[in-house]
Amino acid sequence: MLNERLEEILEAIWVAREKKKSSVQAVQDNCAIQFTDSELADLEKSKMVMISGKDVYFTHEGERLGEIIIRRHRLAEVLVTSILKVKKSKMDEIACEVEHSLQEEVEESICTLLGHPEMCPDGKPIPPGNCCKSHSREVLNTVTSLIELKPGEQGRITYIKPDSHSSLHQLLSFGLSPGVTVTVHRTSPAFCVKFENTELALDPVIVKNIFVWKMSCMIK
C-alpha cells in the first residue's frame, strides 16, 4: 500500500504521459504536491517506476496502479460535479480528497450509478473498470441496516447509530467499528456475526442500528 503522497505522484506521471511527457519536471508540473527525490526513489524501490536520467516511467505494476488511481480521481470529479453539484473551481481539490477513500466496491457502484462515464468534466478519458466491461446497470452494493442481511452475506460497517452511548462503547470494545467487514452467520435464534476470527451474538435492537455497505458476494 502506498501513502497518499506517492499516489499523487503516480497520478501526475499518468497525466504527464497523456501529454507525451516523461521528465521529472513534467511530472512535477502536473502534480498536486511538491514531491522530493527521495519519494521518487521510494516509488522506484517499490518497483512502481523506473528512473532513467531526468525521465521517469511506469513499470507494469506502476501503470496498473496508476490507472486505478486516475480512474478513481476522474470518477470522483464526475461525482462531485454532476451529483453533488460542486463548483468546477473546487472540483479538483475535492476529488483529490475523495479518490483516496474510494474502495473497489464503492468505486464500481459509483461508476454504475453515473452510467459508466467515459470522460471526466475536463474531457479527459476515464479508464474503464470491470463494471464497465460487463455493462453493469445495477448498483449491487448499498448501505443498509445489518438486520437486513441474510446468513452468508457480508457488509462493511459504514456507521453505527446506537440507541445509547453505552451500546456504542460496547460494540467498539468488541472490535465492531466503521471499516470492519462482518459476515452474518445466522439470524435465529440469535443474530450472530463473524469478523476477524470472532463470532458475536448481538441484540436485534443493536443490529438495526449498525449500517453496512452490503457486499455483492455471499459466503456459502
C-alpha atoms as a PDB file:
ATOM      1  CA  MET A   1       0.000   0.000   0.000  1.00  0.00           C
ATOM      2  CA  LEU A   2       1.313   3.436  -0.942  1.00  0.00           C
ATOM      3  CA  ASN A   3       0.628   6.589   1.015  1.00  0.00           C
ATOM      4  CA  GLU A   4      -1.423   9.405  -0.483  1.00  0.00           C
ATOM      5  CA  ARG A   5       1.631  11.451  -1.499  1.00  0.00           C
ATOM      6  CA  LEU A   6       3.069   8.587  -3.545  1.00  0.00           C
ATOM      7  CA  GLU A   7      -0.327   8.008  -5.142  1.00  0.00           C
ATOM      8  CA  GLU A   8      -0.397  11.686  -6.150  1.00  0.00           C
ATOM      9  CA  ILE A   9       2.964  11.229  -7.894  1.00  0.00           C
ATOM     10  CA  LEU A  10       1.732   8.182  -9.822  1.00  0.00           C
ATOM     11  CA  GLU A  11      -1.313  10.176 -10.860  1.00  0.00           C
ATOM     12  CA  ALA A  12       0.933  13.001 -12.102  1.00  0.00           C
ATOM     13  CA  ILE A  13       3.094  10.537 -14.075  1.00  0.00           C
ATOM     14  CA  TRP A  14      -0.071   9.317 -15.803  1.00  0.00           C
ATOM     15  CA  VAL A  15      -1.209  12.856 -16.647  1.00  0.00           C
ATOM     16  CA  ALA A  16       2.247  13.814 -17.929  1.00  0.00           C
ATOM     17  CA  ARG A  17       2.308  10.701 -20.113  1.00  0.00           C
ATOM     18  CA  GLU A  18      -1.053  11.674 -21.613  1.00  0.00           C
ATOM     19  CA  LYS A  19       0.715  14.854 -22.685  1.00  0.00           C
ATOM     20  CA  LYS A  20       3.530  12.701 -24.147  1.00  0.00           C
ATOM     21  CA  LYS A  21       5.983  13.877 -21.499  1.00  0.00           C
ATOM     22  CA  SER A  22       8.093  11.808 -19.150  1.00  0.00           C
ATOM     23  CA  SER A  23      10.539  14.178 -17.479  1.00  0.00           C
ATOM     24  CA  VAL A  24      10.595  14.538 -13.727  1.00  0.00           C
ATOM     25  CA  GLN A  25       9.901  18.246 -14.224  1.00  0.00           C
ATOM     26  CA  ALA A  26       6.807  17.462 -16.335  1.00  0.00           C
ATOM     27  CA  VAL A  27       5.576  15.145 -13.606  1.00  0.00           C
ATOM     28  CA  GLN A  28       6.133  17.869 -11.001  1.00  0.00           C
ATOM     29  CA  ASP A  29       4.271  20.393 -13.176  1.00  0.00           C
ATOM     30  CA  ASN A  30       1.247  18.088 -13.198  1.00  0.00           C
ATOM     31  CA  CYS A  31       1.398  17.068  -9.547  1.00  0.00           C
ATOM     32  CA  ALA A  32      -0.811  18.447  -6.785  1.00  0.00           C
ATOM     33  CA  ILE A  33       2.086  18.264  -4.303  1.00  0.00           C
ATOM     34  CA  GLN A  34       5.742  19.246  -4.256  1.00  0.00           C
ATOM     35  CA  PHE A  35       7.438  15.879  -4.080  1.00  0.00           C
ATOM     36  CA  THR A  36      11.047  15.059  -3.257  1.00  0.00           C
ATOM     37  CA  ASP A  37      13.731  12.965  -4.925  1.00  0.00           C
ATOM     38  CA  SER A  38      13.519  10.547  -2.011  1.00  0.00           C
ATOM     39  CA  GLU A  39       9.813   9.980  -2.696  1.00  0.00           C
ATOM     40  CA  LEU A  40      10.610   9.153  -6.317  1.00  0.00           C
ATOM     41  CA  ALA A  41      13.261   6.792  -5.029  1.00  0.00           C
ATOM     42  CA  ASP A  42      10.656   5.158  -2.781  1.00  0.00           C
ATOM     43  CA  LEU A  43       8.486   4.520  -5.835  1.00  0.00           C
ATOM     44  CA  GLU A  44      11.450   3.027  -7.638  1.00  0.00           C
ATOM     45  CA  LYS A  45      12.240   0.762  -4.673  1.00  0.00           C
ATOM     46  CA  SER A  46       8.601  -0.322  -4.651  1.00  0.00           C
ATOM     47  CA  LYS A  47       9.025  -1.247  -8.341  1.00  0.00           C
ATOM     48  CA  MET A  48       6.331   1.212  -9.375  1.00  0.00           C
ATOM     49  CA  VAL A  49       8.565   3.346 -11.614  1.00  0.00           C
ATOM     50  CA  MET A  50      11.869   3.290 -13.444  1.00  0.00           C
ATOM     51  CA  ILE A  51      14.053   6.391 -13.381  1.00  0.00           C
ATOM     52  CA  SER A  52      16.368   6.990 -16.331  1.00  0.00           C
ATOM     53  CA  GLY A  53      18.351  10.205 -16.133  1.00  0.00           C
ATOM     54  CA  LYS A  54      15.810  13.021 -15.932  1.00  0.00           C
ATOM     55  CA  ASP A  55      12.895  10.856 -17.023  1.00  0.00           C
ATOM     56  CA  VAL A  56      10.543   8.612 -15.074  1.00  0.00           C
ATOM     57  CA  TYR A  57       8.489   5.745 -16.466  1.00  0.00           C
ATOM     58  CA  PHE A  58       5.901   3.325 -15.139  1.00  0.00           C
ATOM     59  CA  THR A  59       6.714  -0.293 -14.543  1.00  0.00           C
ATOM     60  CA  HIS A  60       3.919  -2.723 -15.430  1.00  0.00           C
ATOM     61  CA  GLU A  61       2.768  -2.757 -11.798  1.00  0.00           C
ATOM     62  CA  GLY A  62       3.055   1.019 -11.506  1.00  0.00           C
ATOM     63  CA  GLU A  63       0.980   1.539 -14.629  1.00  0.00           C
ATOM     64  CA  ARG A  64      -1.708  -0.798 -13.308  1.00  0.00           C
ATOM     65  CA  LEU A  65      -1.899   1.127 -10.025  1.00  0.00           C
ATOM     66  CA  GLY A  66      -1.684   4.465 -11.819  1.00  0.00           C
ATOM     67  CA  GLU A  67      -4.691   3.510 -13.935  1.00  0.00           C
ATOM     68  CA  ILE A  68      -6.693   2.671 -10.800  1.00  0.00           C
ATOM     69  CA  ILE A  69      -5.746   5.985  -9.169  1.00  0.00           C
ATOM     70  CA  ILE A  70      -6.556   8.122 -12.205  1.00  0.00           C
ATOM     71  CA  ARG A  71      -9.851   6.270 -12.701  1.00  0.00           C
ATOM     72  CA  ARG A  72     -10.909   6.974  -9.124  1.00  0.00           C
ATOM     73  CA  HIS A  73      -9.900  10.627  -9.355  1.00  0.00           C
ATOM     74  CA  ARG A  74     -11.840  11.228 -12.552  1.00  0.00           C
ATOM     75  CA  LEU A  75     -14.868   9.310 -11.326  1.00  0.00           C
ATOM     76  CA  ALA A  76     -14.746  11.492  -8.217  1.00  0.00           C
ATOM     77  CA  GLU A  77     -14.698  14.575 -10.460  1.00  0.00           C
ATOM     78  CA  VAL A  78     -17.841  13.400 -12.243  1.00  0.00           C
ATOM     79  CA  LEU A  79     -19.484  12.585  -8.917  1.00  0.00           C
ATOM     80  CA  VAL A  80     -18.788  15.919  -7.229  1.00  0.00           C
ATOM     81  CA  THR A  81     -19.826  17.993 -10.244  1.00  0.00           C
ATOM     82  CA  SER A  82     -22.857  16.072 -11.524  1.00  0.00           C
ATOM     83  CA  ILE A  83     -24.372  14.645  -8.346  1.00  0.00           C
ATOM     84  CA  LEU A  84     -23.031  16.816  -5.531  1.00  0.00           C
ATOM     85  CA  LYS A  85     -23.128  19.972  -7.698  1.00  0.00           C
ATOM     86  CA  VAL A  86     -19.728  21.196  -6.521  1.00  0.00           C
ATOM     87  CA  LYS A  87     -18.417  24.238  -8.394  1.00  0.00           C
ATOM     88  CA  LYS A  88     -15.836  23.363 -11.042  1.00  0.00           C
ATOM     89  CA  SER A  89     -13.289  25.634  -9.373  1.00  0.00           C
ATOM     90  CA  LYS A  90     -13.389  23.330  -6.334  1.00  0.00           C
ATOM     91  CA  MET A  91     -13.728  20.103  -8.328  1.00  0.00           C
ATOM     92  CA  ASP A  92     -10.100  19.001  -8.393  1.00  0.00           C
ATOM     93  CA  GLU A  93      -9.447  19.792  -4.733  1.00  0.00           C
ATOM     94  CA  ILE A  94     -12.450  17.815  -3.500  1.00  0.00           C
ATOM     95  CA  ALA A  95     -11.914  14.988  -5.986  1.00  0.00           C
ATOM     96  CA  CYS A  96      -8.378  14.577  -4.627  1.00  0.00           C
ATOM     97  CA  GLU A  97      -9.792  14.087  -1.136  1.00  0.00           C
ATOM     98  CA  VAL A  98     -12.496  11.673  -2.304  1.00  0.00           C
ATOM     99  CA  GLU A  99     -10.309   9.458  -4.520  1.00  0.00           C
ATOM    100  CA  HIS A 100      -8.090   8.216  -1.705  1.00  0.00           C
ATOM    101  CA  SER A 101     -11.073   6.866   0.241  1.00  0.00           C
ATOM    102  CA  LEU A 102     -12.746   5.065  -2.667  1.00  0.00           C
ATOM    103  CA  GLN A 103     -12.508   1.314  -2.228  1.00  0.00           C
ATOM    104  CA  GLU A 104     -13.083  -1.007  -5.153  1.00  0.00           C
ATOM    105  CA  GLU A 105     -16.694  -1.952  -4.439  1.00  0.00           C
ATOM    106  CA  VAL A 106     -17.607   1.695  -3.743  1.00  0.00           C
ATOM    107  CA  GLU A 107     -15.861   2.833  -6.914  1.00  0.00           C
ATOM    108  CA  GLU A 108     -17.754   0.343  -9.080  1.00  0.00           C
ATOM    109  CA  SER A 109     -21.085   1.280  -7.531  1.00  0.00           C
ATOM    110  CA  ILE A 110     -20.427   4.980  -8.151  1.00  0.00           C
ATOM    111  CA  CYS A 111     -19.378   4.245 -11.735  1.00  0.00           C
ATOM    112  CA  THR A 112     -22.570   2.233 -12.316  1.00  0.00           C
ATOM    113  CA  LEU A 113     -24.674   4.945 -10.681  1.00  0.00           C
ATOM    114  CA  LEU A 114     -23.119   7.532 -13.023  1.00  0.00           C
ATOM    115  CA  GLY A 115     -23.769   5.363 -16.099  1.00  0.00           C
ATOM    116  CA  HIS A 116     -20.143   4.327 -16.674  1.00  0.00           C
ATOM    117  CA  PRO A 117     -18.845   7.741 -17.821  1.00  0.00           C
ATOM    118  CA  GLU A 118     -16.048   7.675 -20.390  1.00  0.00           C
ATOM    119  CA  MET A 119     -14.873  11.250 -19.843  1.00  0.00           C
ATOM    120  CA  CYS A 120     -14.352  13.479 -16.810  1.00  0.00           C
ATOM    121  CA  PRO A 121     -15.689  17.079 -16.784  1.00  0.00           C
ATOM    122  CA  ASP A 122     -12.395  18.284 -18.307  1.00  0.00           C
ATOM    123  CA  GLY A 123     -12.802  15.915 -21.258  1.00  0.00           C
ATOM    124  CA  LYS A 124     -10.070  13.506 -20.150  1.00  0.00           C
ATOM    125  CA  PRO A 125     -10.667   9.761 -20.577  1.00  0.00           C
ATOM    126  CA  ILE A 126     -11.694   7.641 -17.597  1.00  0.00           C
ATOM    127  CA  PRO A 127     -10.095   4.175 -17.756  1.00  0.00           C
ATOM    128  CA  PRO A 128     -12.873   1.538 -17.771  1.00  0.00           C
ATOM    129  CA  GLY A 129     -13.321  -0.786 -14.802  1.00  0.00           C
ATOM    130  CA  ASN A 130     -14.709  -4.306 -14.602  1.00  0.00           C
ATOM    131  CA  CYS A 131     -18.205  -2.899 -14.150  1.00  0.00           C
ATOM    132  CA  CYS A 132     -17.874  -1.021 -17.464  1.00  0.00           C
ATOM    133  CA  LYS A 133     -16.634  -4.077 -19.328  1.00  0.00           C
ATOM    134  CA  SER A 134     -19.556  -6.151 -18.041  1.00  0.00           C
ATOM    135  CA  HIS A 135     -22.009  -3.305 -18.814  1.00  0.00           C
ATOM    136  CA  SER A 136     -23.375  -3.479 -15.269  1.00  0.00           C
ATOM    137  CA  ARG A 137     -26.535  -1.445 -14.799  1.00  0.00           C
ATOM    138  CA  GLU A 138     -27.406  -2.424 -11.248  1.00  0.00           C
ATOM    139  CA  VAL A 139     -25.751  -0.981  -8.159  1.00  0.00           C
ATOM    140  CA  LEU A 140     -25.287  -4.151  -6.142  1.00  0.00           C
ATOM    141  CA  ASN A 141     -23.633  -2.575  -3.127  1.00  0.00           C
ATOM    142  CA  THR A 142     -25.818  -0.390  -0.960  1.00  0.00           C
ATOM    143  CA  VAL A 143     -25.789   0.951   2.571  1.00  0.00           C
ATOM    144  CA  THR A 144     -28.360  -0.858   4.660  1.00  0.00           C
ATOM    145  CA  SER A 145     -29.050  -1.917   8.214  1.00  0.00           C
ATOM    146  CA  LEU A 146     -27.171  -5.048   9.223  1.00  0.00           C
ATOM    147  CA  ILE A 147     -30.512  -6.563  10.228  1.00  0.00           C
ATOM    148  CA  GLU A 148     -31.427  -6.754   6.507  1.00  0.00           C
ATOM    149  CA  LEU A 149     -28.573  -9.117   5.638  1.00  0.00           C
ATOM    150  CA  LYS A 150     -29.167 -12.849   5.317  1.00  0.00           C
ATOM    151  CA  PRO A 151     -26.922 -15.649   6.613  1.00  0.00           C
ATOM    152  CA  GLY A 152     -23.792 -15.805   4.493  1.00  0.00           C
ATOM    153  CA  GLU A 153     -23.981 -12.190   3.336  1.00  0.00           C
ATOM    154  CA  GLN A 154     -21.235  -9.689   4.099  1.00  0.00           C
ATOM    155  CA  GLY A 155     -21.145  -5.971   4.779  1.00  0.00           C
ATOM    156  CA  ARG A 156     -18.529  -3.398   5.686  1.00  0.00           C
ATOM    157  CA  ILE A 157     -19.621  -1.225   8.615  1.00  0.00           C
ATOM    158  CA  THR A 158     -20.062   2.389   7.495  1.00  0.00           C
ATOM    159  CA  TYR A 159     -21.546   3.900  10.637  1.00  0.00           C
ATOM    160  CA  ILE A 160     -23.266   2.964  13.879  1.00  0.00           C
ATOM    161  CA  LYS A 161     -26.372   4.696  15.188  1.00  0.00           C
ATOM    162  CA  PRO A 162     -26.565   3.349  18.744  1.00  0.00           C
ATOM    163  CA  ASP A 163     -29.626   3.596  20.959  1.00  0.00           C
ATOM    164  CA  SER A 164     -27.294   4.651  23.756  1.00  0.00           C
ATOM    165  CA  HIS A 165     -23.660   5.649  24.277  1.00  0.00           C
ATOM    166  CA  SER A 166     -23.102   2.524  26.350  1.00  0.00           C
ATOM    167  CA  SER A 167     -24.026   0.226  23.451  1.00  0.00           C
ATOM    168  CA  LEU A 168     -21.644   2.122  21.166  1.00  0.00           C
ATOM    169  CA  HIS A 169     -18.765   1.684  23.604  1.00  0.00           C
ATOM    170  CA  GLN A 170     -19.689  -1.974  23.960  1.00  0.00           C
ATOM    171  CA  LEU A 171     -19.549  -2.519  20.198  1.00  0.00           C
ATOM    172  CA  LEU A 172     -16.212  -0.721  19.945  1.00  0.00           C
ATOM    173  CA  SER A 173     -14.813  -2.832  22.759  1.00  0.00           C
ATOM    174  CA  PHE A 174     -15.792  -5.949  20.784  1.00  0.00           C
ATOM    175  CA  GLY A 175     -13.941  -4.591  17.735  1.00  0.00           C
ATOM    176  CA  LEU A 176     -17.041  -3.640  15.746  1.00  0.00           C
ATOM    177  CA  SER A 177     -16.260  -0.244  14.265  1.00  0.00           C
ATOM    178  CA  PRO A 178     -16.554   1.516  10.883  1.00  0.00           C
ATOM    179  CA  GLY A 179     -14.414  -0.207   8.267  1.00  0.00           C
ATOM    180  CA  VAL A 180     -14.766  -3.706   9.724  1.00  0.00           C
ATOM    181  CA  THR A 181     -16.241  -6.337   7.394  1.00  0.00           C
ATOM    182  CA  VAL A 182     -18.766  -8.669   9.033  1.00  0.00           C
ATOM    183  CA  THR A 183     -20.396 -11.865   7.794  1.00  0.00           C
ATOM    184  CA  VAL A 184     -23.851 -12.814   9.038  1.00  0.00           C
ATOM    185  CA  HIS A 185     -23.545 -16.315  10.496  1.00  0.00           C
ATOM    186  CA  ARG A 186     -27.183 -16.794  11.462  1.00  0.00           C
ATOM    187  CA  THR A 187     -30.229 -14.677  12.276  1.00  0.00           C
ATOM    188  CA  SER A 188     -32.080 -17.032  14.645  1.00  0.00           C
ATOM    189  CA  PRO A 189     -32.495 -17.953  17.369  1.00  0.00           C
ATOM    190  CA  ALA A 190     -29.881 -15.200  17.879  1.00  0.00           C
ATOM    191  CA  PHE A 191     -28.365 -12.769  15.372  1.00  0.00           C
ATOM    192  CA  CYS A 192     -24.710 -13.804  15.095  1.00  0.00           C
ATOM    193  CA  VAL A 193     -21.935 -12.250  13.036  1.00  0.00           C
ATOM    194  CA  LYS A 194     -18.370 -13.262  12.320  1.00  0.00           C
ATOM    195  CA  PHE A 195     -15.485 -10.837  11.879  1.00  0.00           C
ATOM    196  CA  GLU A 196     -11.722 -11.035  12.285  1.00  0.00           C
ATOM    197  CA  ASN A 197     -11.819 -14.604  13.714  1.00  0.00           C
ATOM    198  CA  THR A 198     -14.533 -13.596  16.196  1.00  0.00           C
ATOM    199  CA  GLU A 199     -18.144 -14.751  16.411  1.00  0.00           C
ATOM    200  CA  LEU A 200     -20.541 -12.488  18.279  1.00  0.00           C
ATOM    201  CA  ALA A 201     -24.241 -12.671  19.171  1.00  0.00           C
ATOM    202  CA  LEU A 202     -25.954  -9.278  19.071  1.00  0.00           C
ATOM    203  CA  ASP A 203     -29.241  -7.907  20.353  1.00  0.00           C
ATOM    204  CA  PRO A 204     -31.571  -7.237  17.356  1.00  0.00           C
ATOM    205  CA  VAL A 205     -32.147  -3.685  18.610  1.00  0.00           C
ATOM    206  CA  ILE A 206     -28.415  -3.017  18.325  1.00  0.00           C
ATOM    207  CA  VAL A 207     -28.184  -4.813  14.970  1.00  0.00           C
ATOM    208  CA  LYS A 208     -30.791  -2.456  13.474  1.00  0.00           C
ATOM    209  CA  ASN A 209     -28.547   0.485  14.302  1.00  0.00           C
ATOM    210  CA  ILE A 210     -25.449  -0.904  12.601  1.00  0.00           C
ATOM    211  CA  PHE A 211     -25.310   0.243   8.975  1.00  0.00           C
ATOM    212  CA  VAL A 212     -23.139  -1.565   6.463  1.00  0.00           C
ATOM    213  CA  TRP A 213     -22.061  -1.271   2.858  1.00  0.00           C
ATOM    214  CA  LYS A 214     -23.522  -4.510   1.555  1.00  0.00           C
ATOM    215  CA  MET A 215     -21.015  -6.585  -0.388  1.00  0.00           C
ATOM    216  CA  SER A 216     -22.098  -8.252  -3.606  1.00  0.00           C
ATOM    217  CA  CYS A 217     -20.567 -11.625  -2.743  1.00  0.00           C
ATOM    218  CA  MET A 218     -22.068 -14.282  -0.493  1.00  0.00           C
ATOM    219  CA  ILE A 219     -20.168 -16.744   1.638  1.00  0.00           C
ATOM    220  CA  LYS A 220     -21.535 -20.259   1.309  1.00  0.00           C
END
